[in-house]
Amino acid sequence: IEEVVRGDDLLGSTGRQLWLARTL
């Protein structure tokens, strides 16, 4: 997946997911 389109109630999850992807 290269582009994520979702509701802005999930905006706060994106930093977490990017951090986790980098860690993994």
PDBML (XML) file of the C-alpha atoms, coordinates in Angstrom:
<?xml version="1.0" encoding="UTF-8" ?>
<PDBx:datablock datablockName="MODEL"
   xmlns:PDBx="http://pdbml.pdb.org/schema/pdbx-v50.xsd"
   xmlns:xsi="http://www.w3.org/2001/XMLSchema-instance"
   xsi:schemaLocation="http://pdbml.pdb.org/schema/pdbx-v50.xsd pdbx-v50.xsd">
   <PDBx:atom_siteCategory>
      <PDBx:atom_site id="1">
         <PDBx:B_iso_or_equiv>0.00</PDBx:B_iso_or_equiv>
         <PDBx:Cartn_x>0.000</PDBx:Cartn_x>
         <PDBx:Cartn_y>0.000</PDBx:Cartn_y>
         <PDBx:Cartn_z>0.000</PDBx:Cartn_z>
         <PDBx:auth_asym_id>A</PDBx:auth_asym_id>
         <PDBx:auth_atom_id>CA</PDBx:auth_atom_id>
         <PDBx:auth_comp_id>ILE</PDBx:auth_comp_id>
         <PDBx:auth_seq_id>1</PDBx:auth_seq_id>
         <PDBx:group_PDB>ATOM</PDBx:group_PDB>
         <PDBx:label_alt_id xsi:nil="true" />
         <PDBx:label_asym_id>A</PDBx:label_asym_id>
         <PDBx:label_atom_id>CA</PDBx:label_atom_id>
         <PDBx:label_comp_id>ILE</PDBx:label_comp_id>
         <PDBx:label_entity_id>1</PDBx:label_entity_id>
         <PDBx:label_seq_id>1</PDBx:label_seq_id>
         <PDBx:occupancy>1.00</PDBx:occupancy>
         <PDBx:pdbx_PDB_model_num>1</PDBx:pdbx_PDB_model_num>
         <PDBx:type_symbol>C</PDBx:type_symbol>
      </PDBx:atom_site>
      <PDBx:atom_site id="2">
         <PDBx:B_iso_or_equiv>0.00</PDBx:B_iso_or_equiv>
         <PDBx:Cartn_x>1.400</PDBx:Cartn_x>
         <PDBx:Cartn_y>3.363</PDBx:Cartn_y>
         <PDBx:Cartn_z>-1.050</PDBx:Cartn_z>
         <PDBx:auth_asym_id>A</PDBx:auth_asym_id>
         <PDBx:auth_atom_id>CA</PDBx:auth_atom_id>
         <PDBx:auth_comp_id>GLU</PDBx:auth_comp_id>
         <PDBx:auth_seq_id>2</PDBx:auth_seq_id>
         <PDBx:group_PDB>ATOM</PDBx:group_PDB>
         <PDBx:label_alt_id xsi:nil="true" />
         <PDBx:label_asym_id>A</PDBx:label_asym_id>
         <PDBx:label_atom_id>CA</PDBx:label_atom_id>
         <PDBx:label_comp_id>GLU</PDBx:label_comp_id>
         <PDBx:label_entity_id>1</PDBx:label_entity_id>
         <PDBx:label_seq_id>2</PDBx:label_seq_id>
         <PDBx:occupancy>1.00</PDBx:occupancy>
         <PDBx:pdbx_PDB_model_num>1</PDBx:pdbx_PDB_model_num>
         <PDBx:type_symbol>C</PDBx:type_symbol>
      </PDBx:atom_site>
      <PDBx:atom_site id="3">
         <PDBx:B_iso_or_equiv>0.00</PDBx:B_iso_or_equiv>
         <PDBx:Cartn_x>-1.436</PDBx:Cartn_x>
         <PDBx:Cartn_y>5.764</PDBx:Cartn_y>
         <PDBx:Cartn_z>-0.315</PDBx:Cartn_z>
         <PDBx:auth_asym_id>A</PDBx:auth_asym_id>
         <PDBx:auth_atom_id>CA</PDBx:auth_atom_id>
         <PDBx:auth_comp_id>GLU</PDBx:auth_comp_id>
         <PDBx:auth_seq_id>3</PDBx:auth_seq_id>
         <PDBx:group_PDB>ATOM</PDBx:group_PDB>
         <PDBx:label_alt_id xsi:nil="true" />
         <PDBx:label_asym_id>A</PDBx:label_asym_id>
         <PDBx:label_atom_id>CA</PDBx:label_atom_id>
         <PDBx:label_comp_id>GLU</PDBx:label_comp_id>
         <PDBx:label_entity_id>1</PDBx:label_entity_id>
         <PDBx:label_seq_id>3</PDBx:label_seq_id>
         <PDBx:occupancy>1.00</PDBx:occupancy>
         <PDBx:pdbx_PDB_model_num>1</PDBx:pdbx_PDB_model_num>
         <PDBx:type_symbol>C</PDBx:type_symbol>
      </PDBx:atom_site>
      <PDBx:atom_site id="4">
         <PDBx:B_iso_or_equiv>0.00</PDBx:B_iso_or_equiv>
         <PDBx:Cartn_x>-3.779</PDBx:Cartn_x>
         <PDBx:Cartn_y>5.767</PDBx:Cartn_y>
         <PDBx:Cartn_z>2.678</PDBx:Cartn_z>
         <PDBx:auth_asym_id>A</PDBx:auth_asym_id>
         <PDBx:auth_atom_id>CA</PDBx:auth_atom_id>
         <PDBx:auth_comp_id>VAL</PDBx:auth_comp_id>
         <PDBx:auth_seq_id>4</PDBx:auth_seq_id>
         <PDBx:group_PDB>ATOM</PDBx:group_PDB>
         <PDBx:label_alt_id xsi:nil="true" />
         <PDBx:label_asym_id>A</PDBx:label_asym_id>
         <PDBx:label_atom_id>CA</PDBx:label_atom_id>
         <PDBx:label_comp_id>VAL</PDBx:label_comp_id>
         <PDBx:label_entity_id>1</PDBx:label_entity_id>
         <PDBx:label_seq_id>4</PDBx:label_seq_id>
         <PDBx:occupancy>1.00</PDBx:occupancy>
         <PDBx:pdbx_PDB_model_num>1</PDBx:pdbx_PDB_model_num>
         <PDBx:type_symbol>C</PDBx:type_symbol>
      </PDBx:atom_site>
      <PDBx:atom_site id="5">
         <PDBx:B_iso_or_equiv>0.00</PDBx:B_iso_or_equiv>
         <PDBx:Cartn_x>-7.094</PDBx:Cartn_x>
         <PDBx:Cartn_y>7.605</PDBx:Cartn_y>
         <PDBx:Cartn_z>2.428</PDBx:Cartn_z>
         <PDBx:auth_asym_id>A</PDBx:auth_asym_id>
         <PDBx:auth_atom_id>CA</PDBx:auth_atom_id>
         <PDBx:auth_comp_id>VAL</PDBx:auth_comp_id>
         <PDBx:auth_seq_id>5</PDBx:auth_seq_id>
         <PDBx:group_PDB>ATOM</PDBx:group_PDB>
         <PDBx:label_alt_id xsi:nil="true" />
         <PDBx:label_asym_id>A</PDBx:label_asym_id>
         <PDBx:label_atom_id>CA</PDBx:label_atom_id>
         <PDBx:label_comp_id>VAL</PDBx:label_comp_id>
         <PDBx:label_entity_id>1</PDBx:label_entity_id>
         <PDBx:label_seq_id>5</PDBx:label_seq_id>
         <PDBx:occupancy>1.00</PDBx:occupancy>
         <PDBx:pdbx_PDB_model_num>1</PDBx:pdbx_PDB_model_num>
         <PDBx:type_symbol>C</PDBx:type_symbol>
      </PDBx:atom_site>
      <PDBx:atom_site id="6">
         <PDBx:B_iso_or_equiv>0.00</PDBx:B_iso_or_equiv>
         <PDBx:Cartn_x>-9.194</PDBx:Cartn_x>
         <PDBx:Cartn_y>7.479</PDBx:Cartn_y>
         <PDBx:Cartn_z>5.587</PDBx:Cartn_z>
         <PDBx:auth_asym_id>A</PDBx:auth_asym_id>
         <PDBx:auth_atom_id>CA</PDBx:auth_atom_id>
         <PDBx:auth_comp_id>ARG</PDBx:auth_comp_id>
         <PDBx:auth_seq_id>6</PDBx:auth_seq_id>
         <PDBx:group_PDB>ATOM</PDBx:group_PDB>
         <PDBx:label_alt_id xsi:nil="true" />
         <PDBx:label_asym_id>A</PDBx:label_asym_id>
         <PDBx:label_atom_id>CA</PDBx:label_atom_id>
         <PDBx:label_comp_id>ARG</PDBx:label_comp_id>
         <PDBx:label_entity_id>1</PDBx:label_entity_id>
         <PDBx:label_seq_id>6</PDBx:label_seq_id>
         <PDBx:occupancy>1.00</PDBx:occupancy>
         <PDBx:pdbx_PDB_model_num>1</PDBx:pdbx_PDB_model_num>
         <PDBx:type_symbol>C</PDBx:type_symbol>
      </PDBx:atom_site>
      <PDBx:atom_site id="7">
         <PDBx:B_iso_or_equiv>0.00</PDBx:B_iso_or_equiv>
         <PDBx:Cartn_x>-11.205</PDBx:Cartn_x>
         <PDBx:Cartn_y>9.632</PDBx:Cartn_y>
         <PDBx:Cartn_z>7.984</PDBx:Cartn_z>
         <PDBx:auth_asym_id>A</PDBx:auth_asym_id>
         <PDBx:auth_atom_id>CA</PDBx:auth_atom_id>
         <PDBx:auth_comp_id>GLY</PDBx:auth_comp_id>
         <PDBx:auth_seq_id>7</PDBx:auth_seq_id>
         <PDBx:group_PDB>ATOM</PDBx:group_PDB>
         <PDBx:label_alt_id xsi:nil="true" />
         <PDBx:label_asym_id>A</PDBx:label_asym_id>
         <PDBx:label_atom_id>CA</PDBx:label_atom_id>
         <PDBx:label_comp_id>GLY</PDBx:label_comp_id>
         <PDBx:label_entity_id>1</PDBx:label_entity_id>
         <PDBx:label_seq_id>7</PDBx:label_seq_id>
         <PDBx:occupancy>1.00</PDBx:occupancy>
         <PDBx:pdbx_PDB_model_num>1</PDBx:pdbx_PDB_model_num>
         <PDBx:type_symbol>C</PDBx:type_symbol>
      </PDBx:atom_site>
      <PDBx:atom_site id="8">
         <PDBx:B_iso_or_equiv>0.00</PDBx:B_iso_or_equiv>
         <PDBx:Cartn_x>-9.403</PDBx:Cartn_x>
         <PDBx:Cartn_y>12.378</PDBx:Cartn_y>
         <PDBx:Cartn_z>9.855</PDBx:Cartn_z>
         <PDBx:auth_asym_id>A</PDBx:auth_asym_id>
         <PDBx:auth_atom_id>CA</PDBx:auth_atom_id>
         <PDBx:auth_comp_id>ASP</PDBx:auth_comp_id>
         <PDBx:auth_seq_id>8</PDBx:auth_seq_id>
         <PDBx:group_PDB>ATOM</PDBx:group_PDB>
         <PDBx:label_alt_id xsi:nil="true" />
         <PDBx:label_asym_id>A</PDBx:label_asym_id>
         <PDBx:label_atom_id>CA</PDBx:label_atom_id>
         <PDBx:label_comp_id>ASP</PDBx:label_comp_id>
         <PDBx:label_entity_id>1</PDBx:label_entity_id>
         <PDBx:label_seq_id>8</PDBx:label_seq_id>
         <PDBx:occupancy>1.00</PDBx:occupancy>
         <PDBx:pdbx_PDB_model_num>1</PDBx:pdbx_PDB_model_num>
         <PDBx:type_symbol>C</PDBx:type_symbol>
      </PDBx:atom_site>
      <PDBx:atom_site id="9">
         <PDBx:B_iso_or_equiv>0.00</PDBx:B_iso_or_equiv>
         <PDBx:Cartn_x>-10.410</PDBx:Cartn_x>
         <PDBx:Cartn_y>10.787</PDBx:Cartn_y>
         <PDBx:Cartn_z>13.160</PDBx:Cartn_z>
         <PDBx:auth_asym_id>A</PDBx:auth_asym_id>
         <PDBx:auth_atom_id>CA</PDBx:auth_atom_id>
         <PDBx:auth_comp_id>ASP</PDBx:auth_comp_id>
         <PDBx:auth_seq_id>9</PDBx:auth_seq_id>
         <PDBx:group_PDB>ATOM</PDBx:group_PDB>
         <PDBx:label_alt_id xsi:nil="true" />
         <PDBx:label_asym_id>A</PDBx:label_asym_id>
         <PDBx:label_atom_id>CA</PDBx:label_atom_id>
         <PDBx:label_comp_id>ASP</PDBx:label_comp_id>
         <PDBx:label_entity_id>1</PDBx:label_entity_id>
         <PDBx:label_seq_id>9</PDBx:label_seq_id>
         <PDBx:occupancy>1.00</PDBx:occupancy>
         <PDBx:pdbx_PDB_model_num>1</PDBx:pdbx_PDB_model_num>
         <PDBx:type_symbol>C</PDBx:type_symbol>
      </PDBx:atom_site>
      <PDBx:atom_site id="10">
         <PDBx:B_iso_or_equiv>0.00</PDBx:B_iso_or_equiv>
         <PDBx:Cartn_x>-7.472</PDBx:Cartn_x>
         <PDBx:Cartn_y>8.450</PDBx:Cartn_y>
         <PDBx:Cartn_z>12.443</PDBx:Cartn_z>
         <PDBx:auth_asym_id>A</PDBx:auth_asym_id>
         <PDBx:auth_atom_id>CA</PDBx:auth_atom_id>
         <PDBx:auth_comp_id>LEU</PDBx:auth_comp_id>
         <PDBx:auth_seq_id>10</PDBx:auth_seq_id>
         <PDBx:group_PDB>ATOM</PDBx:group_PDB>
         <PDBx:label_alt_id xsi:nil="true" />
         <PDBx:label_asym_id>A</PDBx:label_asym_id>
         <PDBx:label_atom_id>CA</PDBx:label_atom_id>
         <PDBx:label_comp_id>LEU</PDBx:label_comp_id>
         <PDBx:label_entity_id>1</PDBx:label_entity_id>
         <PDBx:label_seq_id>10</PDBx:label_seq_id>
         <PDBx:occupancy>1.00</PDBx:occupancy>
         <PDBx:pdbx_PDB_model_num>1</PDBx:pdbx_PDB_model_num>
         <PDBx:type_symbol>C</PDBx:type_symbol>
      </PDBx:atom_site>
      <PDBx:atom_site id="11">
         <PDBx:B_iso_or_equiv>0.00</PDBx:B_iso_or_equiv>
         <PDBx:Cartn_x>-4.970</PDBx:Cartn_x>
         <PDBx:Cartn_y>11.234</PDBx:Cartn_y>
         <PDBx:Cartn_z>11.851</PDBx:Cartn_z>
         <PDBx:auth_asym_id>A</PDBx:auth_asym_id>
         <PDBx:auth_atom_id>CA</PDBx:auth_atom_id>
         <PDBx:auth_comp_id>LEU</PDBx:auth_comp_id>
         <PDBx:auth_seq_id>11</PDBx:auth_seq_id>
         <PDBx:group_PDB>ATOM</PDBx:group_PDB>
         <PDBx:label_alt_id xsi:nil="true" />
         <PDBx:label_asym_id>A</PDBx:label_asym_id>
         <PDBx:label_atom_id>CA</PDBx:label_atom_id>
         <PDBx:label_comp_id>LEU</PDBx:label_comp_id>
         <PDBx:label_entity_id>1</PDBx:label_entity_id>
         <PDBx:label_seq_id>11</PDBx:label_seq_id>
         <PDBx:occupancy>1.00</PDBx:occupancy>
         <PDBx:pdbx_PDB_model_num>1</PDBx:pdbx_PDB_model_num>
         <PDBx:type_symbol>C</PDBx:type_symbol>
      </PDBx:atom_site>
      <PDBx:atom_site id="12">
         <PDBx:B_iso_or_equiv>0.00</PDBx:B_iso_or_equiv>
         <PDBx:Cartn_x>-3.372</PDBx:Cartn_x>
         <PDBx:Cartn_y>10.575</PDBx:Cartn_y>
         <PDBx:Cartn_z>15.239</PDBx:Cartn_z>
         <PDBx:auth_asym_id>A</PDBx:auth_asym_id>
         <PDBx:auth_atom_id>CA</PDBx:auth_atom_id>
         <PDBx:auth_comp_id>GLY</PDBx:auth_comp_id>
         <PDBx:auth_seq_id>12</PDBx:auth_seq_id>
         <PDBx:group_PDB>ATOM</PDBx:group_PDB>
         <PDBx:label_alt_id xsi:nil="true" />
         <PDBx:label_asym_id>A</PDBx:label_asym_id>
         <PDBx:label_atom_id>CA</PDBx:label_atom_id>
         <PDBx:label_comp_id>GLY</PDBx:label_comp_id>
         <PDBx:label_entity_id>1</PDBx:label_entity_id>
         <PDBx:label_seq_id>12</PDBx:label_seq_id>
         <PDBx:occupancy>1.00</PDBx:occupancy>
         <PDBx:pdbx_PDB_model_num>1</PDBx:pdbx_PDB_model_num>
         <PDBx:type_symbol>C</PDBx:type_symbol>
      </PDBx:atom_site>
      <PDBx:atom_site id="13">
         <PDBx:B_iso_or_equiv>0.00</PDBx:B_iso_or_equiv>
         <PDBx:Cartn_x>-2.679</PDBx:Cartn_x>
         <PDBx:Cartn_y>6.937</PDBx:Cartn_y>
         <PDBx:Cartn_z>14.332</PDBx:Cartn_z>
         <PDBx:auth_asym_id>A</PDBx:auth_asym_id>
         <PDBx:auth_atom_id>CA</PDBx:auth_atom_id>
         <PDBx:auth_comp_id>SER</PDBx:auth_comp_id>
         <PDBx:auth_seq_id>13</PDBx:auth_seq_id>
         <PDBx:group_PDB>ATOM</PDBx:group_PDB>
         <PDBx:label_alt_id xsi:nil="true" />
         <PDBx:label_asym_id>A</PDBx:label_asym_id>
         <PDBx:label_atom_id>CA</PDBx:label_atom_id>
         <PDBx:label_comp_id>SER</PDBx:label_comp_id>
         <PDBx:label_entity_id>1</PDBx:label_entity_id>
         <PDBx:label_seq_id>13</PDBx:label_seq_id>
         <PDBx:occupancy>1.00</PDBx:occupancy>
         <PDBx:pdbx_PDB_model_num>1</PDBx:pdbx_PDB_model_num>
         <PDBx:type_symbol>C</PDBx:type_symbol>
      </PDBx:atom_site>
      <PDBx:atom_site id="14">
         <PDBx:B_iso_or_equiv>0.00</PDBx:B_iso_or_equiv>
         <PDBx:Cartn_x>-0.436</PDBx:Cartn_x>
         <PDBx:Cartn_y>7.745</PDBx:Cartn_y>
         <PDBx:Cartn_z>11.396</PDBx:Cartn_z>
         <PDBx:auth_asym_id>A</PDBx:auth_asym_id>
         <PDBx:auth_atom_id>CA</PDBx:auth_atom_id>
         <PDBx:auth_comp_id>THR</PDBx:auth_comp_id>
         <PDBx:auth_seq_id>14</PDBx:auth_seq_id>
         <PDBx:group_PDB>ATOM</PDBx:group_PDB>
         <PDBx:label_alt_id xsi:nil="true" />
         <PDBx:label_asym_id>A</PDBx:label_asym_id>
         <PDBx:label_atom_id>CA</PDBx:label_atom_id>
         <PDBx:label_comp_id>THR</PDBx:label_comp_id>
         <PDBx:label_entity_id>1</PDBx:label_entity_id>
         <PDBx:label_seq_id>14</PDBx:label_seq_id>
         <PDBx:occupancy>1.00</PDBx:occupancy>
         <PDBx:pdbx_PDB_model_num>1</PDBx:pdbx_PDB_model_num>
         <PDBx:type_symbol>C</PDBx:type_symbol>
      </PDBx:atom_site>
      <PDBx:atom_site id="15">
         <PDBx:B_iso_or_equiv>0.00</PDBx:B_iso_or_equiv>
         <PDBx:Cartn_x>2.635</PDBx:Cartn_x>
         <PDBx:Cartn_y>8.800</PDBx:Cartn_y>
         <PDBx:Cartn_z>13.370</PDBx:Cartn_z>
         <PDBx:auth_asym_id>A</PDBx:auth_asym_id>
         <PDBx:auth_atom_id>CA</PDBx:auth_atom_id>
         <PDBx:auth_comp_id>GLY</PDBx:auth_comp_id>
         <PDBx:auth_seq_id>15</PDBx:auth_seq_id>
         <PDBx:group_PDB>ATOM</PDBx:group_PDB>
         <PDBx:label_alt_id xsi:nil="true" />
         <PDBx:label_asym_id>A</PDBx:label_asym_id>
         <PDBx:label_atom_id>CA</PDBx:label_atom_id>
         <PDBx:label_comp_id>GLY</PDBx:label_comp_id>
         <PDBx:label_entity_id>1</PDBx:label_entity_id>
         <PDBx:label_seq_id>15</PDBx:label_seq_id>
         <PDBx:occupancy>1.00</PDBx:occupancy>
         <PDBx:pdbx_PDB_model_num>1</PDBx:pdbx_PDB_model_num>
         <PDBx:type_symbol>C</PDBx:type_symbol>
      </PDBx:atom_site>
      <PDBx:atom_site id="16">
         <PDBx:B_iso_or_equiv>0.00</PDBx:B_iso_or_equiv>
         <PDBx:Cartn_x>2.370</PDBx:Cartn_x>
         <PDBx:Cartn_y>5.627</PDBx:Cartn_y>
         <PDBx:Cartn_z>15.437</PDBx:Cartn_z>
         <PDBx:auth_asym_id>A</PDBx:auth_asym_id>
         <PDBx:auth_atom_id>CA</PDBx:auth_atom_id>
         <PDBx:auth_comp_id>ARG</PDBx:auth_comp_id>
         <PDBx:auth_seq_id>16</PDBx:auth_seq_id>
         <PDBx:group_PDB>ATOM</PDBx:group_PDB>
         <PDBx:label_alt_id xsi:nil="true" />
         <PDBx:label_asym_id>A</PDBx:label_asym_id>
         <PDBx:label_atom_id>CA</PDBx:label_atom_id>
         <PDBx:label_comp_id>ARG</PDBx:label_comp_id>
         <PDBx:label_entity_id>1</PDBx:label_entity_id>
         <PDBx:label_seq_id>16</PDBx:label_seq_id>
         <PDBx:occupancy>1.00</PDBx:occupancy>
         <PDBx:pdbx_PDB_model_num>1</PDBx:pdbx_PDB_model_num>
         <PDBx:type_symbol>C</PDBx:type_symbol>
      </PDBx:atom_site>
      <PDBx:atom_site id="17">
         <PDBx:B_iso_or_equiv>0.00</PDBx:B_iso_or_equiv>
         <PDBx:Cartn_x>2.150</PDBx:Cartn_x>
         <PDBx:Cartn_y>3.474</PDBx:Cartn_y>
         <PDBx:Cartn_z>12.327</PDBx:Cartn_z>
         <PDBx:auth_asym_id>A</PDBx:auth_asym_id>
         <PDBx:auth_atom_id>CA</PDBx:auth_atom_id>
         <PDBx:auth_comp_id>GLN</PDBx:auth_comp_id>
         <PDBx:auth_seq_id>17</PDBx:auth_seq_id>
         <PDBx:group_PDB>ATOM</PDBx:group_PDB>
         <PDBx:label_alt_id xsi:nil="true" />
         <PDBx:label_asym_id>A</PDBx:label_asym_id>
         <PDBx:label_atom_id>CA</PDBx:label_atom_id>
         <PDBx:label_comp_id>GLN</PDBx:label_comp_id>
         <PDBx:label_entity_id>1</PDBx:label_entity_id>
         <PDBx:label_seq_id>17</PDBx:label_seq_id>
         <PDBx:occupancy>1.00</PDBx:occupancy>
         <PDBx:pdbx_PDB_model_num>1</PDBx:pdbx_PDB_model_num>
         <PDBx:type_symbol>C</PDBx:type_symbol>
      </PDBx:atom_site>
      <PDBx:atom_site id="18">
         <PDBx:B_iso_or_equiv>0.00</PDBx:B_iso_or_equiv>
         <PDBx:Cartn_x>5.080</PDBx:Cartn_x>
         <PDBx:Cartn_y>5.186</PDBx:Cartn_y>
         <PDBx:Cartn_z>10.614</PDBx:Cartn_z>
         <PDBx:auth_asym_id>A</PDBx:auth_asym_id>
         <PDBx:auth_atom_id>CA</PDBx:auth_atom_id>
         <PDBx:auth_comp_id>LEU</PDBx:auth_comp_id>
         <PDBx:auth_seq_id>18</PDBx:auth_seq_id>
         <PDBx:group_PDB>ATOM</PDBx:group_PDB>
         <PDBx:label_alt_id xsi:nil="true" />
         <PDBx:label_asym_id>A</PDBx:label_asym_id>
         <PDBx:label_atom_id>CA</PDBx:label_atom_id>
         <PDBx:label_comp_id>LEU</PDBx:label_comp_id>
         <PDBx:label_entity_id>1</PDBx:label_entity_id>
         <PDBx:label_seq_id>18</PDBx:label_seq_id>
         <PDBx:occupancy>1.00</PDBx:occupancy>
         <PDBx:pdbx_PDB_model_num>1</PDBx:pdbx_PDB_model_num>
         <PDBx:type_symbol>C</PDBx:type_symbol>
      </PDBx:atom_site>
      <PDBx:atom_site id="19">
         <PDBx:B_iso_or_equiv>0.00</PDBx:B_iso_or_equiv>
         <PDBx:Cartn_x>7.180</PDBx:Cartn_x>
         <PDBx:Cartn_y>4.775</PDBx:Cartn_y>
         <PDBx:Cartn_z>13.760</PDBx:Cartn_z>
         <PDBx:auth_asym_id>A</PDBx:auth_asym_id>
         <PDBx:auth_atom_id>CA</PDBx:auth_atom_id>
         <PDBx:auth_comp_id>TRP</PDBx:auth_comp_id>
         <PDBx:auth_seq_id>19</PDBx:auth_seq_id>
         <PDBx:group_PDB>ATOM</PDBx:group_PDB>
         <PDBx:label_alt_id xsi:nil="true" />
         <PDBx:label_asym_id>A</PDBx:label_asym_id>
         <PDBx:label_atom_id>CA</PDBx:label_atom_id>
         <PDBx:label_comp_id>TRP</PDBx:label_comp_id>
         <PDBx:label_entity_id>1</PDBx:label_entity_id>
         <PDBx:label_seq_id>19</PDBx:label_seq_id>
         <PDBx:occupancy>1.00</PDBx:occupancy>
         <PDBx:pdbx_PDB_model_num>1</PDBx:pdbx_PDB_model_num>
         <PDBx:type_symbol>C</PDBx:type_symbol>
      </PDBx:atom_site>
      <PDBx:atom_site id="20">
         <PDBx:B_iso_or_equiv>0.00</PDBx:B_iso_or_equiv>
         <PDBx:Cartn_x>6.265</PDBx:Cartn_x>
         <PDBx:Cartn_y>1.093</PDBx:Cartn_y>
         <PDBx:Cartn_z>13.968</PDBx:Cartn_z>
         <PDBx:auth_asym_id>A</PDBx:auth_asym_id>
         <PDBx:auth_atom_id>CA</PDBx:auth_atom_id>
         <PDBx:auth_comp_id>LEU</PDBx:auth_comp_id>
         <PDBx:auth_seq_id>20</PDBx:auth_seq_id>
         <PDBx:group_PDB>ATOM</PDBx:group_PDB>
         <PDBx:label_alt_id xsi:nil="true" />
         <PDBx:label_asym_id>A</PDBx:label_asym_id>
         <PDBx:label_atom_id>CA</PDBx:label_atom_id>
         <PDBx:label_comp_id>LEU</PDBx:label_comp_id>
         <PDBx:label_entity_id>1</PDBx:label_entity_id>
         <PDBx:label_seq_id>20</PDBx:label_seq_id>
         <PDBx:occupancy>1.00</PDBx:occupancy>
         <PDBx:pdbx_PDB_model_num>1</PDBx:pdbx_PDB_model_num>
         <PDBx:type_symbol>C</PDBx:type_symbol>
      </PDBx:atom_site>
      <PDBx:atom_site id="21">
         <PDBx:B_iso_or_equiv>0.00</PDBx:B_iso_or_equiv>
         <PDBx:Cartn_x>7.011</PDBx:Cartn_x>
         <PDBx:Cartn_y>0.473</PDBx:Cartn_y>
         <PDBx:Cartn_z>10.290</PDBx:Cartn_z>
         <PDBx:auth_asym_id>A</PDBx:auth_asym_id>
         <PDBx:auth_atom_id>CA</PDBx:auth_atom_id>
         <PDBx:auth_comp_id>ALA</PDBx:auth_comp_id>
         <PDBx:auth_seq_id>21</PDBx:auth_seq_id>
         <PDBx:group_PDB>ATOM</PDBx:group_PDB>
         <PDBx:label_alt_id xsi:nil="true" />
         <PDBx:label_asym_id>A</PDBx:label_asym_id>
         <PDBx:label_atom_id>CA</PDBx:label_atom_id>
         <PDBx:label_comp_id>ALA</PDBx:label_comp_id>
         <PDBx:label_entity_id>1</PDBx:label_entity_id>
         <PDBx:label_seq_id>21</PDBx:label_seq_id>
         <PDBx:occupancy>1.00</PDBx:occupancy>
         <PDBx:pdbx_PDB_model_num>1</PDBx:pdbx_PDB_model_num>
         <PDBx:type_symbol>C</PDBx:type_symbol>
      </PDBx:atom_site>
      <PDBx:atom_site id="22">
         <PDBx:B_iso_or_equiv>0.00</PDBx:B_iso_or_equiv>
         <PDBx:Cartn_x>10.429</PDBx:Cartn_x>
         <PDBx:Cartn_y>2.051</PDBx:Cartn_y>
         <PDBx:Cartn_z>10.747</PDBx:Cartn_z>
         <PDBx:auth_asym_id>A</PDBx:auth_asym_id>
         <PDBx:auth_atom_id>CA</PDBx:auth_atom_id>
         <PDBx:auth_comp_id>ARG</PDBx:auth_comp_id>
         <PDBx:auth_seq_id>22</PDBx:auth_seq_id>
         <PDBx:group_PDB>ATOM</PDBx:group_PDB>
         <PDBx:label_alt_id xsi:nil="true" />
         <PDBx:label_asym_id>A</PDBx:label_asym_id>
         <PDBx:label_atom_id>CA</PDBx:label_atom_id>
         <PDBx:label_comp_id>ARG</PDBx:label_comp_id>
         <PDBx:label_entity_id>1</PDBx:label_entity_id>
         <PDBx:label_seq_id>22</PDBx:label_seq_id>
         <PDBx:occupancy>1.00</PDBx:occupancy>
         <PDBx:pdbx_PDB_model_num>1</PDBx:pdbx_PDB_model_num>
         <PDBx:type_symbol>C</PDBx:type_symbol>
      </PDBx:atom_site>
      <PDBx:atom_site id="23">
         <PDBx:B_iso_or_equiv>0.00</PDBx:B_iso_or_equiv>
         <PDBx:Cartn_x>11.095</PDBx:Cartn_x>
         <PDBx:Cartn_y>-0.020</PDBx:Cartn_y>
         <PDBx:Cartn_z>13.873</PDBx:Cartn_z>
         <PDBx:auth_asym_id>A</PDBx:auth_asym_id>
         <PDBx:auth_atom_id>CA</PDBx:auth_atom_id>
         <PDBx:auth_comp_id>THR</PDBx:auth_comp_id>
         <PDBx:auth_seq_id>23</PDBx:auth_seq_id>
         <PDBx:group_PDB>ATOM</PDBx:group_PDB>
         <PDBx:label_alt_id xsi:nil="true" />
         <PDBx:label_asym_id>A</PDBx:label_asym_id>
         <PDBx:label_atom_id>CA</PDBx:label_atom_id>
         <PDBx:label_comp_id>THR</PDBx:label_comp_id>
         <PDBx:label_entity_id>1</PDBx:label_entity_id>
         <PDBx:label_seq_id>23</PDBx:label_seq_id>
         <PDBx:occupancy>1.00</PDBx:occupancy>
         <PDBx:pdbx_PDB_model_num>1</PDBx:pdbx_PDB_model_num>
         <PDBx:type_symbol>C</PDBx:type_symbol>
      </PDBx:atom_site>
      <PDBx:atom_site id="24">
         <PDBx:B_iso_or_equiv>0.00</PDBx:B_iso_or_equiv>
         <PDBx:Cartn_x>10.050</PDBx:Cartn_x>
         <PDBx:Cartn_y>-3.229</PDBx:Cartn_y>
         <PDBx:Cartn_z>12.117</PDBx:Cartn_z>
         <PDBx:auth_asym_id>A</PDBx:auth_asym_id>
         <PDBx:auth_atom_id>CA</PDBx:auth_atom_id>
         <PDBx:auth_comp_id>LEU</PDBx:auth_comp_id>
         <PDBx:auth_seq_id>24</PDBx:auth_seq_id>
         <PDBx:group_PDB>ATOM</PDBx:group_PDB>
         <PDBx:label_alt_id xsi:nil="true" />
         <PDBx:label_asym_id>A</PDBx:label_asym_id>
         <PDBx:label_atom_id>CA</PDBx:label_atom_id>
         <PDBx:label_comp_id>LEU</PDBx:label_comp_id>
         <PDBx:label_entity_id>1</PDBx:label_entity_id>
         <PDBx:label_seq_id>24</PDBx:label_seq_id>
         <PDBx:occupancy>1.00</PDBx:occupancy>
         <PDBx:pdbx_PDB_model_num>1</PDBx:pdbx_PDB_model_num>
         <PDBx:type_symbol>C</PDBx:type_symbol>
      </PDBx:atom_site>
   </PDBx:atom_siteCategory>
</PDBx:datablock>
